[in-house]
Amino acid sequence: MLEKTTRMNFLYDFYHSLLTDKQRSYMSLYYLDDFSLGEIAEEYEVSRQAVYDNIKRTEAMLEEYESKLLLFKKFQESSRLLKQLKSFVSDEGLSIIESLEKLD
């Protein structure tokens, strides 16, 4: 479950601007603020099932965006390569790599 939560948080970070306000709100409350489905339902005065359905549809949308745009996959690969590069460079090179990392 933690792996799924972490993945959804990353996908949300990359693609949240493609979601509706309600989708962003539900996903933020559920994944970032750790609200339960019942708490979100109470907050929005809707059924727990409505919240669940919205979150499941939004998760599927985020996965579809990722399958097409691959932003998360590219991020993971660039992070892996930067980590590998750090082991091969001098102090001056490390400074440049750290500057590159701050751009993300």
N, C-alpha and C. Protein backbone atom coordinates (compact mmCIF):
# COMPACT_ATOMS: atom_id res chain seq x y z
N MET A 1 0.82 -1.20 0.00
CA MET A 1 0.00 0.00 0.00
C MET A 1 0.86 1.26 0.00
N LEU A 2 1.96 1.23 0.74
CA LEU A 2 2.84 2.40 0.79
C LEU A 2 3.42 2.70 -0.58
N GLU A 3 3.76 1.65 -1.33
CA GLU A 3 4.30 1.83 -2.67
C GLU A 3 3.27 2.51 -3.59
N LYS A 4 2.01 2.08 -3.49
CA LYS A 4 0.96 2.69 -4.30
C LYS A 4 0.76 4.15 -3.90
N THR A 5 0.77 4.41 -2.60
CA THR A 5 0.59 5.79 -2.13
C THR A 5 1.72 6.68 -2.64
N THR A 6 2.94 6.18 -2.55
CA THR A 6 4.09 6.94 -3.03
C THR A 6 3.97 7.22 -4.52
N ARG A 7 3.61 6.19 -5.28
CA ARG A 7 3.45 6.36 -6.72
C ARG A 7 2.36 7.39 -7.03
N MET A 8 1.22 7.29 -6.36
CA MET A 8 0.13 8.23 -6.60
C MET A 8 0.54 9.65 -6.24
N ASN A 9 1.30 9.81 -5.18
CA ASN A 9 1.78 11.14 -4.81
C ASN A 9 2.67 11.72 -5.90
N PHE A 10 3.56 10.90 -6.46
CA PHE A 10 4.41 11.37 -7.55
C PHE A 10 3.57 11.71 -8.78
N LEU A 11 2.67 10.81 -9.16
CA LEU A 11 1.84 11.07 -10.33
C LEU A 11 1.00 12.32 -10.13
N TYR A 12 0.48 12.49 -8.92
CA TYR A 12 -0.29 13.69 -8.61
C TYR A 12 0.58 14.94 -8.79
N ASP A 13 1.82 14.88 -8.29
CA ASP A 13 2.72 16.02 -8.44
C ASP A 13 2.95 16.38 -9.90
N PHE A 14 3.13 15.37 -10.73
CA PHE A 14 3.40 15.62 -12.14
C PHE A 14 2.17 16.06 -12.93
N TYR A 15 1.01 15.53 -12.63
CA TYR A 15 -0.16 15.71 -13.49
C TYR A 15 -1.34 16.44 -12.85
N HIS A 16 -1.19 16.97 -11.64
CA HIS A 16 -2.34 17.57 -10.96
C HIS A 16 -3.00 18.70 -11.75
N SER A 17 -2.22 19.41 -12.55
CA SER A 17 -2.79 20.52 -13.31
C SER A 17 -3.75 20.04 -14.41
N LEU A 18 -3.73 18.75 -14.72
CA LEU A 18 -4.63 18.19 -15.73
C LEU A 18 -5.95 17.71 -15.12
N LEU A 19 -6.08 17.81 -13.81
CA LEU A 19 -7.27 17.33 -13.11
C LEU A 19 -8.24 18.48 -12.85
N THR A 20 -9.49 18.12 -12.60
CA THR A 20 -10.48 19.14 -12.21
C THR A 20 -10.22 19.55 -10.76
N ASP A 21 -10.85 20.63 -10.36
CA ASP A 21 -10.70 21.10 -8.97
C ASP A 21 -11.14 20.02 -7.97
N LYS A 22 -12.27 19.37 -8.25
CA LYS A 22 -12.77 18.34 -7.34
C LYS A 22 -11.81 17.15 -7.28
N GLN A 23 -11.30 16.74 -8.42
CA GLN A 23 -10.34 15.62 -8.45
C GLN A 23 -9.08 15.98 -7.65
N ARG A 24 -8.59 17.19 -7.86
CA ARG A 24 -7.40 17.63 -7.11
C ARG A 24 -7.67 17.63 -5.62
N SER A 25 -8.83 18.14 -5.24
CA SER A 25 -9.17 18.23 -3.83
C SER A 25 -9.28 16.85 -3.19
N TYR A 26 -10.02 15.94 -3.82
CA TYR A 26 -10.18 14.59 -3.28
C TYR A 26 -8.83 13.88 -3.17
N MET A 27 -8.02 13.96 -4.23
CA MET A 27 -6.73 13.28 -4.23
C MET A 27 -5.79 13.87 -3.18
N SER A 28 -5.80 15.17 -3.06
CA SER A 28 -4.96 15.83 -2.07
C SER A 28 -5.36 15.43 -0.66
N LEU A 29 -6.64 15.46 -0.38
CA LEU A 29 -7.11 15.08 0.95
C LEU A 29 -6.80 13.61 1.24
N TYR A 30 -7.03 12.75 0.27
CA TYR A 30 -6.87 11.31 0.49
C TYR A 30 -5.39 10.91 0.57
N TYR A 31 -4.59 11.35 -0.38
CA TYR A 31 -3.20 10.89 -0.44
C TYR A 31 -2.22 11.77 0.31
N LEU A 32 -2.42 13.07 0.29
CA LEU A 32 -1.45 13.96 0.94
C LEU A 32 -1.80 14.24 2.40
N ASP A 33 -3.09 14.41 2.68
CA ASP A 33 -3.52 14.75 4.04
C ASP A 33 -4.01 13.55 4.83
N ASP A 34 -4.05 12.38 4.18
CA ASP A 34 -4.42 11.12 4.83
C ASP A 34 -5.83 11.13 5.42
N PHE A 35 -6.76 11.79 4.72
CA PHE A 35 -8.16 11.75 5.13
C PHE A 35 -8.74 10.40 4.73
N SER A 36 -9.71 9.92 5.46
CA SER A 36 -10.42 8.69 5.08
C SER A 36 -11.48 9.06 4.05
N LEU A 37 -12.02 8.04 3.38
CA LEU A 37 -13.11 8.28 2.43
C LEU A 37 -14.30 8.91 3.15
N GLY A 38 -14.59 8.43 4.35
CA GLY A 38 -15.70 8.98 5.12
C GLY A 38 -15.51 10.44 5.49
N GLU A 39 -14.30 10.80 5.84
CA GLU A 39 -14.02 12.20 6.20
C GLU A 39 -14.19 13.12 4.98
N ILE A 40 -13.72 12.66 3.83
CA ILE A 40 -13.87 13.46 2.61
C ILE A 40 -15.36 13.56 2.25
N ALA A 41 -16.07 12.46 2.35
CA ALA A 41 -17.51 12.45 2.06
C ALA A 41 -18.24 13.44 2.95
N GLU A 42 -17.90 13.44 4.22
CA GLU A 42 -18.54 14.36 5.17
C GLU A 42 -18.21 15.81 4.82
N GLU A 43 -16.97 16.07 4.46
CA GLU A 43 -16.53 17.42 4.10
C GLU A 43 -17.30 17.96 2.89
N TYR A 44 -17.56 17.10 1.91
CA TYR A 44 -18.21 17.52 0.68
C TYR A 44 -19.70 17.18 0.62
N GLU A 45 -20.20 16.59 1.70
CA GLU A 45 -21.61 16.22 1.80
C GLU A 45 -22.05 15.35 0.63
N VAL A 46 -21.24 14.31 0.37
CA VAL A 46 -21.55 13.31 -0.65
C VAL A 46 -21.37 11.94 0.00
N SER A 47 -21.73 10.91 -0.73
CA SER A 47 -21.59 9.57 -0.17
C SER A 47 -20.12 9.12 -0.22
N ARG A 48 -19.82 8.19 0.66
CA ARG A 48 -18.48 7.60 0.68
C ARG A 48 -18.19 6.93 -0.66
N GLN A 49 -19.22 6.29 -1.24
CA GLN A 49 -19.07 5.62 -2.53
C GLN A 49 -18.73 6.62 -3.64
N ALA A 50 -19.32 7.80 -3.59
CA ALA A 50 -19.03 8.84 -4.59
C ALA A 50 -17.56 9.26 -4.52
N VAL A 51 -17.06 9.40 -3.31
CA VAL A 51 -15.65 9.77 -3.12
C VAL A 51 -14.75 8.64 -3.65
N TYR A 52 -15.09 7.41 -3.27
CA TYR A 52 -14.31 6.25 -3.71
C TYR A 52 -14.26 6.18 -5.24
N ASP A 53 -15.41 6.31 -5.87
CA ASP A 53 -15.48 6.24 -7.34
C ASP A 53 -14.65 7.34 -7.98
N ASN A 54 -14.74 8.55 -7.44
CA ASN A 54 -13.99 9.68 -7.98
C ASN A 54 -12.48 9.42 -7.86
N ILE A 55 -12.05 8.95 -6.70
CA ILE A 55 -10.63 8.70 -6.50
C ILE A 55 -10.14 7.59 -7.42
N LYS A 56 -10.89 6.51 -7.57
CA LYS A 56 -10.50 5.40 -8.45
C LYS A 56 -10.40 5.87 -9.91
N ARG A 57 -11.37 6.67 -10.35
CA ARG A 57 -11.32 7.20 -11.72
C ARG A 57 -10.11 8.11 -11.90
N THR A 58 -9.83 8.92 -10.90
CA THR A 58 -8.71 9.84 -10.98
C THR A 58 -7.39 9.08 -10.99
N GLU A 59 -7.28 8.04 -10.18
CA GLU A 59 -6.07 7.21 -10.20
C GLU A 59 -5.86 6.63 -11.60
N ALA A 60 -6.92 6.14 -12.20
CA ALA A 60 -6.82 5.57 -13.55
C ALA A 60 -6.39 6.64 -14.56
N MET A 61 -6.91 7.84 -14.41
CA MET A 61 -6.51 8.94 -15.29
C MET A 61 -5.03 9.26 -15.14
N LEU A 62 -4.56 9.33 -13.89
CA LEU A 62 -3.15 9.62 -13.65
C LEU A 62 -2.26 8.54 -14.26
N GLU A 63 -2.67 7.29 -14.13
CA GLU A 63 -1.90 6.19 -14.73
C GLU A 63 -1.91 6.29 -16.26
N GLU A 64 -3.03 6.71 -16.82
CA GLU A 64 -3.10 6.86 -18.27
C GLU A 64 -2.20 8.01 -18.75
N TYR A 65 -2.22 9.12 -18.02
CA TYR A 65 -1.32 10.23 -18.36
C TYR A 65 0.13 9.77 -18.33
N GLU A 66 0.46 9.01 -17.29
CA GLU A 66 1.84 8.52 -17.16
C GLU A 66 2.19 7.57 -18.31
N SER A 67 1.27 6.72 -18.71
CA SER A 67 1.56 5.78 -19.79
C SER A 67 1.83 6.50 -21.11
N LYS A 68 1.27 7.69 -21.25
CA LYS A 68 1.46 8.46 -22.49
C LYS A 68 2.62 9.45 -22.41
N LEU A 69 2.78 10.10 -21.26
CA LEU A 69 3.78 11.16 -21.13
C LEU A 69 5.09 10.72 -20.47
N LEU A 70 5.01 9.71 -19.63
CA LEU A 70 6.19 9.11 -18.98
C LEU A 70 7.03 10.08 -18.15
N LEU A 71 6.41 11.09 -17.57
CA LEU A 71 7.16 12.06 -16.77
C LEU A 71 7.77 11.42 -15.52
N PHE A 72 7.01 10.57 -14.85
CA PHE A 72 7.52 9.92 -13.64
C PHE A 72 8.66 8.96 -13.98
N LYS A 73 8.49 8.19 -15.03
CA LYS A 73 9.54 7.26 -15.45
C LYS A 73 10.82 8.01 -15.79
N LYS A 74 10.71 9.12 -16.51
CA LYS A 74 11.88 9.93 -16.86
C LYS A 74 12.52 10.54 -15.62
N PHE A 75 11.69 10.97 -14.67
CA PHE A 75 12.21 11.50 -13.41
C PHE A 75 13.01 10.45 -12.66
N GLN A 76 12.46 9.23 -12.57
CA GLN A 76 13.17 8.15 -11.89
C GLN A 76 14.50 7.84 -12.57
N GLU A 77 14.49 7.80 -13.88
CA GLU A 77 15.71 7.49 -14.63
C GLU A 77 16.75 8.60 -14.47
N SER A 78 16.34 9.85 -14.55
CA SER A 78 17.30 10.94 -14.38
C SER A 78 17.86 10.97 -12.96
N SER A 79 17.03 10.65 -11.97
CA SER A 79 17.51 10.58 -10.58
C SER A 79 18.54 9.47 -10.42
N ARG A 80 18.28 8.32 -11.05
CA ARG A 80 19.20 7.20 -10.98
C ARG A 80 20.53 7.56 -11.66
N LEU A 81 20.46 8.20 -12.82
CA LEU A 81 21.68 8.57 -13.55
C LEU A 81 22.48 9.64 -12.80
N LEU A 82 21.79 10.61 -12.20
CA LEU A 82 22.50 11.63 -11.42
C LEU A 82 23.20 11.02 -10.22
N LYS A 83 22.56 10.09 -9.57
CA LYS A 83 23.17 9.40 -8.43
C LYS A 83 24.42 8.65 -8.88
N GLN A 84 24.31 7.97 -10.00
CA GLN A 84 25.45 7.23 -10.55
C GLN A 84 26.56 8.19 -10.94
N LEU A 85 26.22 9.31 -11.55
CA LEU A 85 27.20 10.29 -11.99
C LEU A 85 27.97 10.89 -10.81
N LYS A 86 27.28 11.08 -9.69
CA LYS A 86 27.91 11.65 -8.49
C LYS A 86 29.12 10.83 -8.04
N SER A 87 29.06 9.54 -8.24
CA SER A 87 30.16 8.69 -7.78
C SER A 87 31.40 8.81 -8.67
N PHE A 88 31.28 9.45 -9.81
CA PHE A 88 32.40 9.53 -10.75
C PHE A 88 33.03 10.92 -10.87
N VAL A 89 32.46 11.93 -10.26
CA VAL A 89 32.94 13.29 -10.52
C VAL A 89 33.64 13.89 -9.30
N SER A 90 34.37 14.97 -9.58
CA SER A 90 35.10 15.69 -8.55
C SER A 90 34.16 16.61 -7.77
N ASP A 91 34.71 17.34 -6.80
CA ASP A 91 33.91 18.27 -6.00
C ASP A 91 33.25 19.34 -6.88
N GLU A 92 33.97 19.83 -7.87
CA GLU A 92 33.41 20.85 -8.77
C GLU A 92 32.23 20.26 -9.56
N GLY A 93 32.39 19.03 -10.01
CA GLY A 93 31.31 18.35 -10.72
C GLY A 93 30.11 18.12 -9.83
N LEU A 94 30.35 17.80 -8.55
CA LEU A 94 29.24 17.60 -7.61
C LEU A 94 28.43 18.87 -7.45
N SER A 95 29.11 20.00 -7.44
CA SER A 95 28.44 21.28 -7.32
C SER A 95 27.51 21.52 -8.51
N ILE A 96 27.97 21.17 -9.69
CA ILE A 96 27.16 21.32 -10.89
C ILE A 96 25.96 20.38 -10.85
N ILE A 97 26.19 19.16 -10.43
CA ILE A 97 25.10 18.18 -10.33
C ILE A 97 24.05 18.65 -9.32
N GLU A 98 24.48 19.16 -8.19
CA GLU A 98 23.54 19.66 -7.19
C GLU A 98 22.72 20.83 -7.75
N SER A 99 23.35 21.67 -8.57
CA SER A 99 22.61 22.76 -9.20
C SER A 99 21.57 22.22 -10.17
N LEU A 100 21.92 21.18 -10.90
CA LEU A 100 20.96 20.53 -11.81
C LEU A 100 19.78 19.94 -11.03
N GLU A 101 20.07 19.31 -9.91
CA GLU A 101 19.02 18.71 -9.10
C GLU A 101 18.04 19.75 -8.57
N LYS A 102 18.52 20.92 -8.28
CA LYS A 102 17.65 21.98 -7.76
C LYS A 102 16.67 22.48 -8.83
N LEU A 103 16.99 22.25 -10.10
CA LEU A 103 16.09 22.66 -11.18
C LEU A 103 14.84 21.81 -11.23
N ASP A 104 14.92 20.58 -10.72
CA ASP A 104 13.75 19.69 -10.71
C ASP A 104 12.80 20.19 -9.68
